[in-house]
Amino acid sequence: MTRTAYAHRTESETTREPETTHEPEAAHEPEAERSAPAARRTRRDADGLAVASFVLGLVGLLVMNILLGPAAIVMALVALARSTTRRGRAWLGLALGVADLVILAFLVTGSGVVAWDFGG
């Protein structure tokens, strides 16, 4: 504050203490605003789950589809339940996880064992 502005203040204004409350500011915020960082963190976690389900489903097409397929399906469903912003990626992870299990089923019925190889 400049000196001239200070000089214009009346004596009652200078002796008066500013109104302060001892309650934290969070007490005055609505519940939705207080939980905004938690909602952002949950959405970010859901986005990570959507990406992870997509990657696991994609890798599961090549190797370890008995483990990676169900993991991709579960992660995609959890991401969709948490309303991820990457819904398309979660749906792709779900589809790839199902495709992993379908490929596994075809390979098991064709060879009679859970293990498979590219050799003839």
Protein backbone atom coordinates (compact mmCIF):
# COMPACT_ATOMS: atom_id res chain seq x y z
CA MET A 1 0.00 0.00 0.00
CA THR A 2 1.37 3.45 -0.83
CA ARG A 3 1.86 6.17 1.71
CA THR A 4 -0.86 8.37 0.25
CA ALA A 5 -3.42 5.62 0.44
CA TYR A 6 -2.36 5.00 4.02
CA ALA A 7 -2.71 8.66 4.86
CA HIS A 8 -6.29 8.68 3.61
CA ARG A 9 -7.39 5.96 5.97
CA THR A 10 -9.33 7.06 8.97
CA GLU A 11 -8.16 6.23 12.47
CA SER A 12 -10.98 3.75 13.00
CA GLU A 13 -9.85 1.78 9.99
CA THR A 14 -6.23 1.55 11.10
CA THR A 15 -7.03 0.41 14.63
CA ARG A 16 -9.60 -2.13 13.58
CA GLU A 17 -8.28 -5.68 13.21
CA PRO A 18 -9.13 -7.48 10.02
CA GLU A 19 -11.84 -10.06 10.30
CA THR A 20 -10.29 -13.50 10.37
CA THR A 21 -11.73 -16.83 11.17
CA HIS A 22 -9.78 -19.60 12.73
CA GLU A 23 -11.57 -22.26 10.73
CA PRO A 24 -9.66 -23.71 7.80
CA GLU A 25 -10.80 -22.69 4.35
CA ALA A 26 -11.69 -26.28 3.54
CA ALA A 27 -14.55 -26.09 6.05
CA HIS A 28 -16.28 -23.44 3.91
CA GLU A 29 -15.90 -25.33 0.64
CA PRO A 30 -18.67 -27.58 -0.56
CA GLU A 31 -18.04 -31.32 -0.35
CA ALA A 32 -17.72 -31.63 -4.14
CA GLU A 33 -14.88 -29.10 -4.26
CA ARG A 34 -13.01 -30.78 -1.40
CA SER A 35 -13.15 -34.17 -3.08
CA ALA A 36 -12.05 -32.83 -6.48
CA PRO A 37 -8.40 -33.92 -6.07
CA ALA A 38 -9.56 -37.38 -5.02
CA ALA A 39 -11.84 -37.58 -8.05
CA ARG A 40 -8.98 -36.50 -10.31
CA ARG A 41 -6.72 -39.14 -8.78
CA THR A 42 -9.39 -41.83 -9.23
CA ARG A 43 -9.94 -40.81 -12.85
CA ARG A 44 -6.18 -40.81 -13.48
CA ASP A 45 -5.95 -44.30 -11.96
CA ALA A 46 -8.83 -45.42 -14.17
CA ASP A 47 -7.03 -44.01 -17.22
CA GLY A 48 -3.96 -46.02 -16.26
CA LEU A 49 -6.06 -49.14 -15.90
CA ALA A 50 -7.55 -48.59 -19.36
CA VAL A 51 -4.11 -48.29 -20.94
CA ALA A 52 -2.80 -51.30 -18.99
CA SER A 53 -5.76 -53.43 -20.08
CA PHE A 54 -5.12 -52.49 -23.71
CA VAL A 55 -1.42 -53.34 -23.47
CA LEU A 56 -2.01 -56.62 -21.64
CA GLY A 57 -4.66 -57.64 -24.15
CA LEU A 58 -2.36 -56.83 -27.04
CA VAL A 59 0.62 -58.70 -25.59
CA GLY A 60 -1.68 -61.55 -24.59
CA LEU A 61 -2.43 -62.21 -28.25
CA LEU A 62 1.17 -63.39 -28.62
CA VAL A 63 2.23 -64.87 -25.28
CA MET A 64 0.70 -66.01 -21.98
CA ASN A 65 -2.88 -65.44 -23.07
CA ILE A 66 -4.14 -67.64 -20.24
CA LEU A 67 -2.95 -65.00 -17.73
CA LEU A 68 -2.98 -61.76 -19.67
CA GLY A 69 -6.45 -62.19 -21.19
CA PRO A 70 -8.36 -62.33 -17.89
CA ALA A 71 -6.15 -59.59 -16.43
CA ALA A 72 -6.99 -57.33 -19.39
CA ILE A 73 -10.70 -58.06 -18.99
CA VAL A 74 -10.71 -57.26 -15.27
CA MET A 75 -8.67 -54.06 -15.68
CA ALA A 76 -10.92 -52.86 -18.50
CA LEU A 77 -14.08 -53.48 -16.48
CA VAL A 78 -12.65 -51.67 -13.45
CA ALA A 79 -11.58 -48.73 -15.64
CA LEU A 80 -15.05 -48.51 -17.18
CA ALA A 81 -16.67 -48.74 -13.75
CA ARG A 82 -14.52 -45.83 -12.55
CA SER A 83 -15.62 -43.79 -15.60
CA THR A 84 -12.30 -43.38 -17.32
CA THR A 85 -11.79 -40.66 -19.89
CA ARG A 86 -10.15 -43.27 -22.15
CA ARG A 87 -13.27 -45.33 -22.69
CA GLY A 88 -12.25 -46.42 -26.19
CA ARG A 89 -8.98 -47.81 -24.94
CA ALA A 90 -10.76 -49.64 -22.13
CA TRP A 91 -13.22 -51.18 -24.61
CA LEU A 92 -10.31 -52.23 -26.82
CA GLY A 93 -8.59 -53.80 -23.81
CA LEU A 94 -11.80 -55.68 -23.02
CA ALA A 95 -12.14 -56.90 -26.61
CA LEU A 96 -8.49 -57.94 -26.78
CA GLY A 97 -8.79 -59.79 -23.47
CA VAL A 98 -11.78 -61.72 -24.81
CA ALA A 99 -9.86 -62.37 -28.05
CA ASP A 100 -6.99 -63.77 -25.96
CA LEU A 101 -9.33 -66.29 -24.38
CA VAL A 102 -10.94 -67.17 -27.71
CA ILE A 103 -7.52 -67.80 -29.28
CA LEU A 104 -6.57 -69.91 -26.27
CA ALA A 105 -9.78 -71.93 -26.63
CA PHE A 106 -9.10 -72.59 -30.32
CA LEU A 107 -5.52 -73.60 -29.63
CA VAL A 108 -6.48 -75.90 -26.76
CA THR A 109 -9.18 -77.65 -28.77
CA GLY A 110 -6.83 -78.02 -31.72
CA SER A 111 -3.86 -79.47 -29.86
CA GLY A 112 -5.44 -80.77 -26.66
CA VAL A 113 -2.98 -78.94 -24.36
CA VAL A 114 -2.87 -75.46 -22.87
CA ALA A 115 0.67 -74.85 -24.22
CA TRP A 116 1.11 -74.00 -27.88
CA ASP A 117 3.96 -73.26 -30.26
CA PHE A 118 4.52 -72.08 -33.80
CA GLY A 119 6.44 -75.22 -34.85
CA GLY A 120 4.78 -77.88 -36.96
